[in-house]
Amino acid sequence: MSEPFMDLSFELLAGDFERAGEASSKIKKTLQQIGVSADIVRRVAIGTYEGEMNVIIHSYGGTAKAHIYPEYTVIVLEDAGPGIADIELAVQEGYSTAPDYVRDLGFGAGMGLPNMKSCSDCFEIASKSGAGTKITMRFAHKKA
C-alpha cells in the first residue's frame, strides 16, 4: 500500500451531539475539493457520519481518521468504549443498544453499522469487550 497523500484526524467526544457530523462534513469537503465524484463523496460522508454517531453514542470517546489516497479513501474510527459483545447481531438492521435519551433525540435506530457496511467497498470491525472498537471502511474513488 502506498502512502496517503492526505491524512485527516478528528477527536470525537462521548455525548457531544453538538459537534456530531463535523468530521464527516470536513472529509466530504476535502474529497469534493480534490474532485472525487459526488456519488463516492456521498457514500464516504454517510459511512463516516454513522461511525461518528456510534462513537458519540456508545463509547467514552475516540477518533475518526481519513487516509486519502489517489484511488481510494480509508476511514478508521476507533473508540475507548465498552466494545461490541456480538458483532454479527450488531450489524443487523434495526438492532440497537442505544439508551432511551439517545432515541428521544432521534438517533439509535439500529442503522449505523448496516449503513456503514452498505456504503463502503470494504468494511471491518474489530472489537473486544472492555477494550473498545475499531471500524475500518474503504471507499474506491472509481467504481470497477
Foldseek 3Di string as FASTA:
>chain_A
DDAFPDKDKDKAAAQCPVCQQVVLVVQLVVCVVVPQDPLLNVLSSLLQSLLSVCQNQFARIWMWMWRHHPFKIKIKTWGQGQWDPDVVQLLDQQDFPGDPVQVVVVDTRSCSNVSNVVSAPDWDWDIDGRGTIMIMGMHTSDDD
